[in-house]
Amino acid sequence: MTIENAFSSLSSQKIVWHDKKWTKWSNFTLNQQKTTTKIKLIALISNKLIKKQNQANLCEK
């Protein structure tokens, strides 16, 4: 998944948590949207890598 595809899928979300209150995604500046998207992508990729590593460790045992 490219950053552009991830950004478009995340931008379709109507509401996100920000500054201790619910705000509409469209109220975010473009930089805030890009930063939020990158953070979410990094978290998703990290989780996938951790799961793969755990599965590989289980197979080795």
PDB file of N, CA and C in Angstrom:
ATOM      1  N   MET A   1       0.852  -1.182   0.000  1.00  0.00           N
ATOM      2  CA  MET A   1       0.000   0.000   0.000  1.00  0.00           C
ATOM      3  C   MET A   1       0.892   1.237   0.000  1.00  0.00           C
ATOM      4  N   THR A   2       0.626   2.119  -0.917  1.00  0.00           N
ATOM      5  CA  THR A   2       1.416   3.340  -0.987  1.00  0.00           C
ATOM      6  C   THR A   2       0.886   4.355   0.018  1.00  0.00           C
ATOM      7  N   ILE A   3       1.698   5.354   0.280  1.00  0.00           N
ATOM      8  CA  ILE A   3       1.280   6.409   1.216  1.00  0.00           C
ATOM      9  C   ILE A   3       0.025   7.101   0.687  1.00  0.00           C
ATOM     10  N   GLU A   4      -0.029   7.308  -0.628  1.00  0.00           N
ATOM     11  CA  GLU A   4      -1.187   7.991  -1.210  1.00  0.00           C
ATOM     12  C   GLU A   4      -2.466   7.183  -0.998  1.00  0.00           C
ATOM     13  N   ASN A   5      -2.383   5.861  -1.212  1.00  0.00           N
ATOM     14  CA  ASN A   5      -3.558   5.010  -1.013  1.00  0.00           C
ATOM     15  C   ASN A   5      -3.979   4.989   0.449  1.00  0.00           C
ATOM     16  N   ALA A   6      -2.997   4.882   1.331  1.00  0.00           N
ATOM     17  CA  ALA A   6      -3.312   4.876   2.759  1.00  0.00           C
ATOM     18  C   ALA A   6      -3.920   6.208   3.171  1.00  0.00           C
ATOM     19  N   PHE A   7      -3.373   7.283   2.636  1.00  0.00           N
ATOM     20  CA  PHE A   7      -3.890   8.608   2.966  1.00  0.00           C
ATOM     21  C   PHE A   7      -5.337   8.746   2.517  1.00  0.00           C
ATOM     22  N   SER A   8      -5.637   8.277   1.306  1.00  0.00           N
ATOM     23  CA  SER A   8      -7.006   8.411   0.808  1.00  0.00           C
ATOM     24  C   SER A   8      -7.973   7.555   1.613  1.00  0.00           C
ATOM     25  N   SER A   9      -7.530   6.366   2.046  1.00  0.00           N
ATOM     26  CA  SER A   9      -8.433   5.528   2.840  1.00  0.00           C
ATOM     27  C   SER A   9      -8.650   6.119   4.228  1.00  0.00           C
ATOM     28  N   LEU A  10      -7.604   6.674   4.810  1.00  0.00           N
ATOM     29  CA  LEU A  10      -7.756   7.275   6.135  1.00  0.00           C
ATOM     30  C   LEU A  10      -8.525   8.590   6.064  1.00  0.00           C
ATOM     31  N   SER A  11      -8.384   9.314   4.964  1.00  0.00           N
ATOM     32  CA  SER A  11      -9.085  10.589   4.854  1.00  0.00           C
ATOM     33  C   SER A  11     -10.587  10.387   4.693  1.00  0.00           C
ATOM     34  N   SER A  12     -10.991   9.167   4.356  1.00  0.00           N
ATOM     35  CA  SER A  12     -12.421   8.899   4.243  1.00  0.00           C
ATOM     36  C   SER A  12     -13.076   8.757   5.618  1.00  0.00           C
ATOM     37  N   GLN A  13     -12.253   8.609   6.652  1.00  0.00           N
ATOM     38  CA  GLN A  13     -12.806   8.548   8.004  1.00  0.00           C
ATOM     39  C   GLN A  13     -13.384   9.915   8.361  1.00  0.00           C
ATOM     40  N   LYS A  14     -14.506   9.897   9.043  1.00  0.00           N
ATOM     41  CA  LYS A  14     -15.181  11.162   9.337  1.00  0.00           C
ATOM     42  C   LYS A  14     -14.683  11.805  10.627  1.00  0.00           C
ATOM     43  N   ILE A  15     -14.307  11.000  11.602  1.00  0.00           N
ATOM     44  CA  ILE A  15     -13.974  11.552  12.914  1.00  0.00           C
ATOM     45  C   ILE A  15     -12.693  10.896  13.429  1.00  0.00           C
ATOM     46  N   VAL A  16     -11.819  11.678  14.018  1.00  0.00           N
ATOM     47  CA  VAL A  16     -10.617  11.163  14.670  1.00  0.00           C
ATOM     48  C   VAL A  16     -10.429  11.874  16.004  1.00  0.00           C
ATOM     49  N   TRP A  17      -9.646  11.279  16.888  1.00  0.00           N
ATOM     50  CA  TRP A  17      -9.388  11.868  18.196  1.00  0.00           C
ATOM     51  C   TRP A  17      -8.203  12.823  18.083  1.00  0.00           C
ATOM     52  N   HIS A  18      -8.370  14.037  18.558  1.00  0.00           N
ATOM     53  CA  HIS A  18      -7.291  15.016  18.457  1.00  0.00           C
ATOM     54  C   HIS A  18      -7.526  16.103  19.498  1.00  0.00           C
ATOM     55  N   ASP A  19      -6.474  16.482  20.204  1.00  0.00           N
ATOM     56  CA  ASP A  19      -6.541  17.556  21.196  1.00  0.00           C
ATOM     57  C   ASP A  19      -7.674  17.351  22.201  1.00  0.00           C
ATOM     58  N   LYS A  20      -7.834  16.104  22.675  1.00  0.00           N
ATOM     59  CA  LYS A  20      -8.793  15.754  23.734  1.00  0.00           C
ATOM     60  C   LYS A  20     -10.245  16.049  23.376  1.00  0.00           C
ATOM     61  N   LYS A  21     -10.552  16.136  22.110  1.00  0.00           N
ATOM     62  CA  LYS A  21     -11.945  16.294  21.698  1.00  0.00           C
ATOM     63  C   LYS A  21     -12.102  15.700  20.304  1.00  0.00           C
ATOM     64  N   TRP A  22     -13.334  15.373  19.955  1.00  0.00           N
ATOM     65  CA  TRP A  22     -13.586  14.827  18.625  1.00  0.00           C
ATOM     66  C   TRP A  22     -13.652  15.976  17.627  1.00  0.00           C
ATOM     67  N   THR A  23     -12.889  15.841  16.554  1.00  0.00           N
ATOM     68  CA  THR A  23     -12.935  16.837  15.486  1.00  0.00           C
ATOM     69  C   THR A  23     -13.067  16.113  14.162  1.00  0.00           C
ATOM     70  N   LYS A  24     -13.588  16.785  13.190  1.00  0.00           N
ATOM     71  CA  LYS A  24     -13.708  16.177  11.870  1.00  0.00           C
ATOM     72  C   LYS A  24     -12.343  16.149  11.195  1.00  0.00           C
ATOM     73  N   TRP A  25     -12.103  15.052  10.485  1.00  0.00           N
ATOM     74  CA  TRP A  25     -10.834  14.882   9.772  1.00  0.00           C
ATOM     75  C   TRP A  25     -10.598  16.039   8.811  1.00  0.00           C
ATOM     76  N   SER A  26     -11.649  16.566   8.219  1.00  0.00           N
ATOM     77  CA  SER A  26     -11.506  17.648   7.244  1.00  0.00           C
ATOM     78  C   SER A  26     -11.015  18.941   7.890  1.00  0.00           C
ATOM     79  N   ASN A  27     -11.129  19.061   9.212  1.00  0.00           N
ATOM     80  CA  ASN A  27     -10.646  20.264   9.894  1.00  0.00           C
ATOM     81  C   ASN A  27      -9.135  20.238  10.099  1.00  0.00           C
ATOM     82  N   PHE A  28      -8.517  19.060   9.915  1.00  0.00           N
ATOM     83  CA  PHE A  28      -7.070  18.967  10.054  1.00  0.00           C
ATOM     84  C   PHE A  28      -6.402  19.698   8.900  1.00  0.00           C
ATOM     85  N   THR A  29      -5.264  20.299   9.169  1.00  0.00           N
ATOM     86  CA  THR A  29      -4.480  20.858   8.074  1.00  0.00           C
ATOM     87  C   THR A  29      -3.881  19.692   7.297  1.00  0.00           C
ATOM     88  N   LEU A  30      -3.410  19.959   6.103  1.00  0.00           N
ATOM     89  CA  LEU A  30      -2.825  18.903   5.282  1.00  0.00           C
ATOM     90  C   LEU A  30      -1.627  18.266   5.984  1.00  0.00           C
ATOM     91  N   ASN A  31      -0.797  19.080   6.649  1.00  0.00           N
ATOM     92  CA  ASN A  31       0.360  18.538   7.361  1.00  0.00           C
ATOM     93  C   ASN A  31      -0.069  17.633   8.508  1.00  0.00           C
ATOM     94  N   GLN A  32      -1.116  18.013   9.240  1.00  0.00           N
ATOM     95  CA  GLN A  32      -1.614  17.171  10.323  1.00  0.00           C
ATOM     96  C   GLN A  32      -2.125  15.845   9.776  1.00  0.00           C
ATOM     97  N   GLN A  33      -2.822  15.891   8.638  1.00  0.00           N
ATOM     98  CA  GLN A  33      -3.339  14.668   8.030  1.00  0.00           C
ATOM     99  C   GLN A  33      -2.201  13.755   7.597  1.00  0.00           C
ATOM    100  N   LYS A  34      -1.176  14.334   6.973  1.00  0.00           N
ATOM    101  CA  LYS A  34      -0.037  13.533   6.517  1.00  0.00           C
ATOM    102  C   LYS A  34       0.704  12.926   7.700  1.00  0.00           C
ATOM    103  N   THR A  35       0.907  13.712   8.757  1.00  0.00           N
ATOM    104  CA  THR A  35       1.601  13.210   9.937  1.00  0.00           C
ATOM    105  C   THR A  35       0.816  12.082  10.587  1.00  0.00           C
ATOM    106  N   THR A  36      -0.483  12.274  10.745  1.00  0.00           N
ATOM    107  CA  THR A  36      -1.330  11.245  11.338  1.00  0.00           C
ATOM    108  C   THR A  36      -1.295   9.975  10.501  1.00  0.00           C
ATOM    109  N   THR A  37      -1.361  10.126   9.189  1.00  0.00           N
ATOM    110  CA  THR A  37      -1.331   8.978   8.288  1.00  0.00           C
ATOM    111  C   THR A  37      -0.015   8.231   8.410  1.00  0.00           C
ATOM    112  N   LYS A  38       1.090   8.960   8.435  1.00  0.00           N
ATOM    113  CA  LYS A  38       2.402   8.321   8.542  1.00  0.00           C
ATOM    114  C   LYS A  38       2.538   7.574   9.862  1.00  0.00           C
ATOM    115  N   ILE A  39       2.064   8.164  10.948  1.00  0.00           N
ATOM    116  CA  ILE A  39       2.143   7.512  12.258  1.00  0.00           C
ATOM    117  C   ILE A  39       1.337   6.219  12.251  1.00  0.00           C
ATOM    118  N   LYS A  40       0.129   6.268  11.676  1.00  0.00           N
ATOM    119  CA  LYS A  40      -0.708   5.067  11.624  1.00  0.00           C
ATOM    120  C   LYS A  40      -0.071   3.997  10.748  1.00  0.00           C
ATOM    121  N   LEU A  41       0.529   4.399   9.634  1.00  0.00           N
ATOM    122  CA  LEU A  41       1.189   3.434   8.758  1.00  0.00           C
ATOM    123  C   LEU A  41       2.382   2.785   9.448  1.00  0.00           C
ATOM    124  N   ILE A  42       3.169   3.580  10.151  1.00  0.00           N
ATOM    125  CA  ILE A  42       4.320   3.037  10.870  1.00  0.00           C
ATOM    126  C   ILE A  42       3.855   2.027  11.912  1.00  0.00           C
ATOM    127  N   ALA A  43       2.780   2.352  12.623  1.00  0.00           N
ATOM    128  CA  ALA A  43       2.250   1.431  13.631  1.00  0.00           C
ATOM    129  C   ALA A  43       1.759   0.138  12.988  1.00  0.00           C
ATOM    130  N   LEU A  44       1.041   0.241  11.874  1.00  0.00           N
ATOM    131  CA  LEU A  44       0.545  -0.957  11.190  1.00  0.00           C
ATOM    132  C   LEU A  44       1.688  -1.836  10.699  1.00  0.00           C
ATOM    133  N   ILE A  45       2.678  -1.221  10.077  1.00  0.00           N
ATOM    134  CA  ILE A  45       3.818  -1.976   9.550  1.00  0.00           C
ATOM    135  C   ILE A  45       4.594  -2.621  10.690  1.00  0.00           C
ATOM    136  N   SER A  46       4.785  -1.886  11.787  1.00  0.00           N
ATOM    137  CA  SER A  46       5.497  -2.433  12.939  1.00  0.00           C
ATOM    138  C   SER A  46       4.775  -3.645  13.502  1.00  0.00           C
ATOM    139  N   ASN A  47       3.455  -3.548  13.631  1.00  0.00           N
ATOM    140  CA  ASN A  47       2.677  -4.674  14.150  1.00  0.00           C
ATOM    141  C   ASN A  47       2.796  -5.893  13.249  1.00  0.00           C
ATOM    142  N   LYS A  48       2.754  -5.680  11.936  1.00  0.00           N
ATOM    143  CA  LYS A  48       2.882  -6.797  10.997  1.00  0.00           C
ATOM    144  C   LYS A  48       4.252  -7.445  11.113  1.00  0.00           C
ATOM    145  N   LEU A  49       5.298  -6.633  11.215  1.00  0.00           N
ATOM    146  CA  LEU A  49       6.648  -7.176  11.324  1.00  0.00           C
ATOM    147  C   LEU A  49       6.828  -7.957  12.619  1.00  0.00           C
ATOM    148  N   ILE A  50       6.272  -7.452  13.707  1.00  0.00           N
ATOM    149  CA  ILE A  50       6.366  -8.145  14.995  1.00  0.00           C
ATOM    150  C   ILE A  50       5.654  -9.490  14.920  1.00  0.00           C
ATOM    151  N   LYS A  51       4.465  -9.513  14.303  1.00  0.00           N
ATOM    152  CA  LYS A  51       3.725 -10.769  14.169  1.00  0.00           C
ATOM    153  C   LYS A  51       4.501 -11.775  13.333  1.00  0.00           C
ATOM    154  N   LYS A  52       5.101 -11.318  12.218  1.00  0.00           N
ATOM    155  CA  LYS A  52       5.892 -12.213  11.371  1.00  0.00           C
ATOM    156  C   LYS A  52       7.089 -12.757  12.132  1.00  0.00           C
ATOM    157  N   GLN A  53       7.735 -11.904  12.906  1.00  0.00           N
ATOM    158  CA  GLN A  53       8.903 -12.325  13.669  1.00  0.00           C
ATOM    159  C   GLN A  53       8.502 -13.344  14.733  1.00  0.00           C
ATOM    160  N   ASN A  54       7.379 -13.111  15.396  1.00  0.00           N
ATOM    161  CA  ASN A  54       6.900 -14.050  16.408  1.00  0.00           C
ATOM    162  C   ASN A  54       6.553 -15.395  15.785  1.00  0.00           C
ATOM    163  N   GLN A  55       5.929 -15.377  14.612  1.00  0.00           N
ATOM    164  CA  GLN A  55       5.593 -16.624  13.931  1.00  0.00           C
ATOM    165  C   GLN A  55       6.852 -17.366  13.517  1.00  0.00           C
ATOM    166  N   ALA A  56       7.853 -16.647  13.052  1.00  0.00           N
ATOM    167  CA  ALA A  56       9.112 -17.273  12.654  1.00  0.00           C
ATOM    168  C   ALA A  56       9.800 -17.902  13.860  1.00  0.00           C
ATOM    169  N   ASN A  57       9.744 -17.222  14.992  1.00  0.00           N
ATOM    170  CA  ASN A  57      10.355 -17.760  16.211  1.00  0.00           C
ATOM    171  C   ASN A  57       9.642 -19.023  16.670  1.00  0.00           C
ATOM    172  N   LEU A  58       8.324 -19.067  16.533  1.00  0.00           N
ATOM    173  CA  LEU A  58       7.563 -20.252  16.922  1.00  0.00           C
ATOM    174  C   LEU A  58       7.883 -21.432  16.009  1.00  0.00           C
ATOM    175  N   CYS A  59       8.063 -21.163  14.723  1.00  0.00           N
ATOM    176  CA  CYS A  59       8.371 -22.235  13.775  1.00  0.00           C
ATOM    177  C   CYS A  59       9.754 -22.821  14.015  1.00  0.00           C
ATOM    178  N   GLU A  60      10.681 -22.006  14.485  1.00  0.00           N
ATOM    179  CA  GLU A  60      12.043 -22.475  14.739  1.00  0.00           C
ATOM    180  C   GLU A  60      12.106 -23.400  15.945  1.00  0.00           C
ATOM    181  N   LYS A  61      11.192 -23.229  16.891  1.00  0.00           N
ATOM    182  CA  LYS A  61      11.242 -24.018  18.128  1.00  0.00           C
ATOM    183  C   LYS A  61      10.735 -25.396  17.952  1.00  0.00           C
TER     184      LYS A  61
END
